Amino acid sequence: MDRHYFNPTPDTIYTNKGGSSYICLEAEGHFRAKFQRVSKYKWTFVAHGCQMYEDGTIEWDSSTSGYFEE
């Protein structure tokens, strides 16, 4: 399945290939964005190299600055 790099849109919920949902909190440009997992744990991180597949699911090359929101 083909994928392409993209810049996520703030306040948009995306689903990754593993089935988890993430809301984009802040778009940082250059295919980088701050995400928060949509769950009771609220894992927040910066995703680098955001990519979208033909079916609309996403992945990223790496992540940094992860923490659990209180």
PDB file of N, CA and C in Angstrom:
ATOM      1  N   MET A   1       0.853  -1.182   0.000  1.00  0.00           N
ATOM      2  CA  MET A   1       0.000   0.000   0.000  1.00  0.00           C
ATOM      3  C   MET A   1       0.893   1.237   0.000  1.00  0.00           C
ATOM      4  N   ASP A   2       0.603   2.149  -0.899  1.00  0.00           N
ATOM      5  CA  ASP A   2       1.395   3.370  -1.007  1.00  0.00           C
ATOM      6  C   ASP A   2       1.129   4.314   0.153  1.00  0.00           C
ATOM      7  N   ARG A   3       2.140   5.089   0.511  1.00  0.00           N
ATOM      8  CA  ARG A   3       2.007   6.107   1.545  1.00  0.00           C
ATOM      9  C   ARG A   3       2.799   7.323   1.110  1.00  0.00           C
ATOM     10  N   HIS A   4       2.470   8.455   1.707  1.00  0.00           N
ATOM     11  CA  HIS A   4       3.173   9.689   1.386  1.00  0.00           C
ATOM     12  C   HIS A   4       3.324  10.523   2.657  1.00  0.00           C
ATOM     13  N   TYR A   5       4.372  11.334   2.697  1.00  0.00           N
ATOM     14  CA  TYR A   5       4.564  12.234   3.837  1.00  0.00           C
ATOM     15  C   TYR A   5       3.506  13.325   3.773  1.00  0.00           C
ATOM     16  N   PHE A   6       3.032  13.750   4.942  1.00  0.00           N
ATOM     17  CA  PHE A   6       2.012  14.800   4.997  1.00  0.00           C
ATOM     18  C   PHE A   6       2.174  15.603   6.273  1.00  0.00           C
ATOM     19  N   ASN A   7       1.584  16.791   6.265  1.00  0.00           N
ATOM     20  CA  ASN A   7       1.550  17.645   7.449  1.00  0.00           C
ATOM     21  C   ASN A   7       0.174  17.510   8.089  1.00  0.00           C
ATOM     22  N   PRO A   8       0.104  16.926   9.296  1.00  0.00           N
ATOM     23  CA  PRO A   8      -1.175  16.761   9.981  1.00  0.00           C
ATOM     24  C   PRO A   8      -1.865  18.099  10.250  1.00  0.00           C
ATOM     25  N   THR A   9      -3.180  18.036  10.398  1.00  0.00           N
ATOM     26  CA  THR A   9      -4.007  19.211  10.649  1.00  0.00           C
ATOM     27  C   THR A   9      -4.425  19.232  12.121  1.00  0.00           C
ATOM     28  N   PRO A  10      -4.193  20.345  12.830  1.00  0.00           N
ATOM     29  CA  PRO A  10      -4.611  20.433  14.232  1.00  0.00           C
ATOM     30  C   PRO A  10      -6.106  20.152  14.403  1.00  0.00           C
ATOM     31  N   ASP A  11      -6.439  19.554  15.541  1.00  0.00           N
ATOM     32  CA  ASP A  11      -7.811  19.209  15.929  1.00  0.00           C
ATOM     33  C   ASP A  11      -8.423  18.108  15.064  1.00  0.00           C
ATOM     34  N   THR A  12      -7.589  17.388  14.330  1.00  0.00           N
ATOM     35  CA  THR A  12      -8.053  16.265  13.520  1.00  0.00           C
ATOM     36  C   THR A  12      -7.615  14.969  14.189  1.00  0.00           C
ATOM     37  N   ILE A  13      -8.512  13.993  14.233  1.00  0.00           N
ATOM     38  CA  ILE A  13      -8.197  12.688  14.800  1.00  0.00           C
ATOM     39  C   ILE A  13      -7.798  11.749  13.664  1.00  0.00           C
ATOM     40  N   TYR A  14      -6.653  11.092  13.853  1.00  0.00           N
ATOM     41  CA  TYR A  14      -6.115  10.137  12.882  1.00  0.00           C
ATOM     42  C   TYR A  14      -6.023   8.768  13.536  1.00  0.00           C
ATOM     43  N   THR A  15      -6.094   7.723  12.736  1.00  0.00           N
ATOM     44  CA  THR A  15      -5.928   6.349  13.215  1.00  0.00           C
ATOM     45  C   THR A  15      -4.629   5.811  12.640  1.00  0.00           C
ATOM     46  N   ASN A  16      -3.803   5.197  13.515  1.00  0.00           N
ATOM     47  CA  ASN A  16      -2.556   4.637  13.011  1.00  0.00           C
ATOM     48  C   ASN A  16      -2.787   3.207  12.526  1.00  0.00           C
ATOM     49  N   LYS A  17      -1.759   2.613  11.924  1.00  0.00           N
ATOM     50  CA  LYS A  17      -1.878   1.269  11.362  1.00  0.00           C
ATOM     51  C   LYS A  17      -2.232   0.236  12.424  1.00  0.00           C
ATOM     52  N   GLY A  18      -1.912   0.503  13.684  1.00  0.00           N
ATOM     53  CA  GLY A  18      -2.226  -0.418  14.778  1.00  0.00           C
ATOM     54  C   GLY A  18      -3.649  -0.288  15.291  1.00  0.00           C
ATOM     55  N   GLY A  19      -4.396   0.698  14.793  1.00  0.00           N
ATOM     56  CA  GLY A  19      -5.787   0.868  15.192  1.00  0.00           C
ATOM     57  C   GLY A  19      -6.031   1.883  16.291  1.00  0.00           C
ATOM     58  N   SER A  20      -4.988   2.497  16.829  1.00  0.00           N
ATOM     59  CA  SER A  20      -5.163   3.504  17.883  1.00  0.00           C
ATOM     60  C   SER A  20      -5.448   4.867  17.261  1.00  0.00           C
ATOM     61  N   SER A  21      -6.217   5.683  17.981  1.00  0.00           N
ATOM     62  CA  SER A  21      -6.573   7.020  17.497  1.00  0.00           C
ATOM     63  C   SER A  21      -5.743   8.077  18.213  1.00  0.00           C
ATOM     64  N   TYR A  22      -5.348   9.093  17.449  1.00  0.00           N
ATOM     65  CA  TYR A  22      -4.528  10.191  17.961  1.00  0.00           C
ATOM     66  C   TYR A  22      -5.079  11.508  17.438  1.00  0.00           C
ATOM     67  N   ILE A  23      -5.158  12.499  18.326  1.00  0.00           N
ATOM     68  CA  ILE A  23      -5.573  13.824  17.887  1.00  0.00           C
ATOM     69  C   ILE A  23      -4.321  14.678  17.691  1.00  0.00           C
ATOM     70  N   CYS A  24      -4.301  15.428  16.611  1.00  0.00           N
ATOM     71  CA  CYS A  24      -3.200  16.344  16.359  1.00  0.00           C
ATOM     72  C   CYS A  24      -3.433  17.602  17.195  1.00  0.00           C
ATOM     73  N   LEU A  25      -2.530  17.884  18.097  1.00  0.00           N
ATOM     74  CA  LEU A  25      -2.643  19.065  18.963  1.00  0.00           C
ATOM     75  C   LEU A  25      -2.014  20.296  18.326  1.00  0.00           C
ATOM     76  N   GLU A  26      -0.929  20.058  17.578  1.00  0.00           N
ATOM     77  CA  GLU A  26      -0.186  21.180  17.006  1.00  0.00           C
ATOM     78  C   GLU A  26       0.607  20.696  15.801  1.00  0.00           C
ATOM     79  N   ALA A  27       0.454  21.356  14.677  1.00  0.00           N
ATOM     80  CA  ALA A  27       1.240  21.041  13.485  1.00  0.00           C
ATOM     81  C   ALA A  27       2.520  21.865  13.520  1.00  0.00           C
ATOM     82  N   GLU A  28       3.648  21.221  13.342  1.00  0.00           N
ATOM     83  CA  GLU A  28       4.929  21.913  13.420  1.00  0.00           C
ATOM     84  C   GLU A  28       5.592  22.064  12.059  1.00  0.00           C
ATOM     85  N   GLY A  29       4.948  21.587  10.988  1.00  0.00           N
ATOM     86  CA  GLY A  29       5.525  21.672   9.651  1.00  0.00           C
ATOM     87  C   GLY A  29       6.575  20.605   9.411  1.00  0.00           C
ATOM     88  N   HIS A  30       7.040  20.499   8.196  1.00  0.00           N
ATOM     89  CA  HIS A  30       8.077  19.522   7.809  1.00  0.00           C
ATOM     90  C   HIS A  30       7.701  18.110   8.248  1.00  0.00           C
ATOM     91  N   PHE A  31       6.402  17.759   8.114  1.00  0.00           N
ATOM     92  CA  PHE A  31       5.898  16.418   8.423  1.00  0.00           C
ATOM     93  C   PHE A  31       6.067  16.048   9.896  1.00  0.00           C
ATOM     94  N   ARG A  32       5.943  17.045  10.756  1.00  0.00           N
ATOM     95  CA  ARG A  32       6.108  16.856  12.197  1.00  0.00           C
ATOM     96  C   ARG A  32       4.907  17.463  12.904  1.00  0.00           C
ATOM     97  N   ALA A  33       4.430  16.786  13.968  1.00  0.00           N
ATOM     98  CA  ALA A  33       3.273  17.297  14.702  1.00  0.00           C
ATOM     99  C   ALA A  33       3.252  16.742  16.123  1.00  0.00           C
ATOM    100  N   LYS A  34       2.587  17.470  17.003  1.00  0.00           N
ATOM    101  CA  LYS A  34       2.375  17.021  18.375  1.00  0.00           C
ATOM    102  C   LYS A  34       1.031  16.291  18.403  1.00  0.00           C
ATOM    103  N   PHE A  35       1.043  15.046  18.884  1.00  0.00           N
ATOM    104  CA  PHE A  35      -0.157  14.224  18.958  1.00  0.00           C
ATOM    105  C   PHE A  35      -0.448  13.821  20.391  1.00  0.00           C
ATOM    106  N   GLN A  36      -1.711  13.476  20.642  1.00  0.00           N
ATOM    107  CA  GLN A  36      -2.105  12.890  21.913  1.00  0.00           C
ATOM    108  C   GLN A  36      -3.005  11.701  21.614  1.00  0.00           C
ATOM    109  N   ARG A  37      -2.702  10.577  22.237  1.00  0.00           N
ATOM    110  CA  ARG A  37      -3.523   9.385  22.030  1.00  0.00           C
ATOM    111  C   ARG A  37      -4.914   9.628  22.619  1.00  0.00           C
ATOM    112  N   VAL A  38      -5.932   9.220  21.885  1.00  0.00           N
ATOM    113  CA  VAL A  38      -7.310   9.370  22.338  1.00  0.00           C
ATOM    114  C   VAL A  38      -7.632   8.139  23.187  1.00  0.00           C
ATOM    115  N   SER A  39      -7.345   8.248  24.480  1.00  0.00           N
ATOM    116  CA  SER A  39      -7.604   7.182  25.454  1.00  0.00           C
ATOM    117  C   SER A  39      -7.536   7.796  26.840  1.00  0.00           C
ATOM    118  N   LYS A  40      -7.807   6.995  27.844  1.00  0.00           N
ATOM    119  CA  LYS A  40      -7.767   7.541  29.203  1.00  0.00           C
ATOM    120  C   LYS A  40      -6.347   7.880  29.645  1.00  0.00           C
ATOM    121  N   TYR A  41      -5.312   7.353  28.961  1.00  0.00           N
ATOM    122  CA  TYR A  41      -3.933   7.594  29.365  1.00  0.00           C
ATOM    123  C   TYR A  41      -3.329   8.852  28.761  1.00  0.00           C
ATOM    124  N   LYS A  42      -3.855   9.349  27.654  1.00  0.00           N
ATOM    125  CA  LYS A  42      -3.452  10.614  27.043  1.00  0.00           C
ATOM    126  C   LYS A  42      -1.943  10.737  26.830  1.00  0.00           C
ATOM    127  N   TRP A  43      -1.336   9.728  26.194  1.00  0.00           N
ATOM    128  CA  TRP A  43       0.079   9.786  25.835  1.00  0.00           C
ATOM    129  C   TRP A  43       0.275  10.895  24.813  1.00  0.00           C
ATOM    130  N   THR A  44       1.159  11.827  25.075  1.00  0.00           N
ATOM    131  CA  THR A  44       1.399  12.985  24.228  1.00  0.00           C
ATOM    132  C   THR A  44       2.861  12.954  23.761  1.00  0.00           C
ATOM    133  N   PHE A  45       3.095  13.262  22.489  1.00  0.00           N
ATOM    134  CA  PHE A  45       4.439  13.153  21.925  1.00  0.00           C
ATOM    135  C   PHE A  45       4.533  13.969  20.637  1.00  0.00           C
ATOM    136  N   VAL A  46       5.747  14.149  20.151  1.00  0.00           N
ATOM    137  CA  VAL A  46       5.983  14.780  18.856  1.00  0.00           C
ATOM    138  C   VAL A  46       6.343  13.678  17.867  1.00  0.00           C
ATOM    139  N   ALA A  47       5.581  13.574  16.793  1.00  0.00           N
ATOM    140  CA  ALA A  47       5.827  12.580  15.739  1.00  0.00           C
ATOM    141  C   ALA A  47       6.621  13.234  14.621  1.00  0.00           C
ATOM    142  N   HIS A  48       7.667  12.551  14.177  1.00  0.00           N
ATOM    143  CA  HIS A  48       8.533  13.044  13.103  1.00  0.00           C
ATOM    144  C   HIS A  48       8.356  12.147  11.882  1.00  0.00           C
ATOM    145  N   GLY A  49       8.268  12.740  10.710  1.00  0.00           N
ATOM    146  CA  GLY A  49       8.116  11.963   9.483  1.00  0.00           C
ATOM    147  C   GLY A  49       6.732  11.358   9.345  1.00  0.00           C
ATOM    148  N   CYS A  50       5.698  12.168   9.557  1.00  0.00           N
ATOM    149  CA  CYS A  50       4.316  11.678   9.470  1.00  0.00           C
ATOM    150  C   CYS A  50       4.002  11.244   8.039  1.00  0.00           C
ATOM    151  N   GLN A  51       3.407  10.058   7.936  1.00  0.00           N
ATOM    152  CA  GLN A  51       3.066   9.496   6.635  1.00  0.00           C
ATOM    153  C   GLN A  51       1.624   9.000   6.654  1.00  0.00           C
ATOM    154  N   MET A  52       0.936   9.129   5.526  1.00  0.00           N
ATOM    155  CA  MET A  52      -0.437   8.663   5.409  1.00  0.00           C
ATOM    156  C   MET A  52      -0.535   7.634   4.289  1.00  0.00           C
ATOM    157  N   TYR A  53      -1.245   6.553   4.577  1.00  0.00           N
ATOM    158  CA  TYR A  53      -1.492   5.500   3.601  1.00  0.00           C
ATOM    159  C   TYR A  53      -2.736   5.822   2.776  1.00  0.00           C
ATOM    160  N   GLU A  54      -2.925   5.068   1.708  1.00  0.00           N
ATOM    161  CA  GLU A  54      -4.081   5.256   0.823  1.00  0.00           C
ATOM    162  C   GLU A  54      -5.412   5.121   1.563  1.00  0.00           C
ATOM    163  N   ASP A  55      -5.441   4.285   2.607  1.00  0.00           N
ATOM    164  CA  ASP A  55      -6.688   4.072   3.350  1.00  0.00           C
ATOM    165  C   ASP A  55      -6.932   5.121   4.434  1.00  0.00           C
ATOM    166  N   GLY A  56      -6.034   6.118   4.543  1.00  0.00           N
ATOM    167  CA  GLY A  56      -6.197   7.202   5.513  1.00  0.00           C
ATOM    168  C   GLY A  56      -5.530   6.957   6.851  1.00  0.00           C
ATOM    169  N   THR A  57      -5.000   5.759   7.095  1.00  0.00           N
ATOM    170  CA  THR A  57      -4.284   5.508   8.340  1.00  0.00           C
ATOM    171  C   THR A  57      -2.901   6.154   8.263  1.00  0.00           C
ATOM    172  N   ILE A  58      -2.289   6.345   9.431  1.00  0.00           N
ATOM    173  CA  ILE A  58      -1.007   7.050   9.479  1.00  0.00           C
ATOM    174  C   ILE A  58       0.049   6.240  10.219  1.00  0.00           C
ATOM    175  N   GLU A  59       1.285   6.647  10.032  1.00  0.00           N
ATOM    176  CA  GLU A  59       2.453   6.189  10.782  1.00  0.00           C
ATOM    177  C   GLU A  59       3.418   7.360  10.845  1.00  0.00           C
ATOM    178  N   TRP A  60       4.488   7.189  11.608  1.00  0.00           N
ATOM    179  CA  TRP A  60       5.537   8.208  11.667  1.00  0.00           C
ATOM    180  C   TRP A  60       6.867   7.499  11.818  1.00  0.00           C
ATOM    181  N   ASP A  61       7.933   8.168  11.405  1.00  0.00           N
ATOM    182  CA  ASP A  61       9.266   7.570  11.433  1.00  0.00           C
ATOM    183  C   ASP A  61       9.785   7.390  12.856  1.00  0.00           C
ATOM    184  N   SER A  62       9.585   8.393  13.692  1.00  0.00           N
ATOM    185  CA  SER A  62      10.047   8.334  15.078  1.00  0.00           C
ATOM    186  C   SER A  62       9.256   9.340  15.906  1.00  0.00           C
ATOM    187  N   SER A  63       9.393   9.236  17.222  1.00  0.00           N
ATOM    188  CA  SER A  63       8.721  10.189  18.111  1.00  0.00           C
ATOM    189  C   SER A  63       9.672  10.591  19.225  1.00  0.00           C
ATOM    190  N   THR A  64       9.448  11.795  19.752  1.00  0.00           N
ATOM    191  CA  THR A  64      10.263  12.321  20.848  1.00  0.00           C
ATOM    192  C   THR A  64       9.356  13.050  21.831  1.00  0.00           C
ATOM    193  N   SER A  65       9.930  13.403  22.965  1.00  0.00           N
ATOM    194  CA  SER A  65       9.262  14.250  23.968  1.00  0.00           C
ATOM    195  C   SER A  65       7.962  13.662  24.484  1.00  0.00           C
ATOM    196  N   GLY A  66       7.887  12.337  24.618  1.00  0.00           N
ATOM    197  CA  GLY A  66       6.659  11.699  25.075  1.00  0.00           C
ATOM    198  C   GLY A  66       6.446  11.815  26.580  1.00  0.00           C
ATOM    199  N   TYR A  67       5.175  11.993  26.952  1.00  0.00           N
ATOM    200  CA  TYR A  67       4.810  12.060  28.372  1.00  0.00           C
ATOM    201  C   TYR A  67       3.315  11.781  28.510  1.00  0.00           C
ATOM    202  N   PHE A  68       2.885  11.400  29.694  1.00  0.00           N
ATOM    203  CA  PHE A  68       1.481  11.199  29.974  1.00  0.00           C
ATOM    204  C   PHE A  68       0.893  12.503  30.493  1.00  0.00           C
ATOM    205  N   GLU A  69      -0.162  12.972  29.838  1.00  0.00           N
ATOM    206  CA  GLU A  69      -0.850  14.196  30.261  1.00  0.00           C
ATOM    207  C   GLU A  69      -1.571  13.925  31.576  1.00  0.00           C
ATOM    208  N   GLU A  70      -1.522  14.873  32.490  1.00  0.00           N
ATOM    209  CA  GLU A  70      -2.191  14.694  33.783  1.00  0.00           C
ATOM    210  C   GLU A  70      -3.565  15.293  33.780  1.00  0.00           C
TER     211      GLU A  70
END
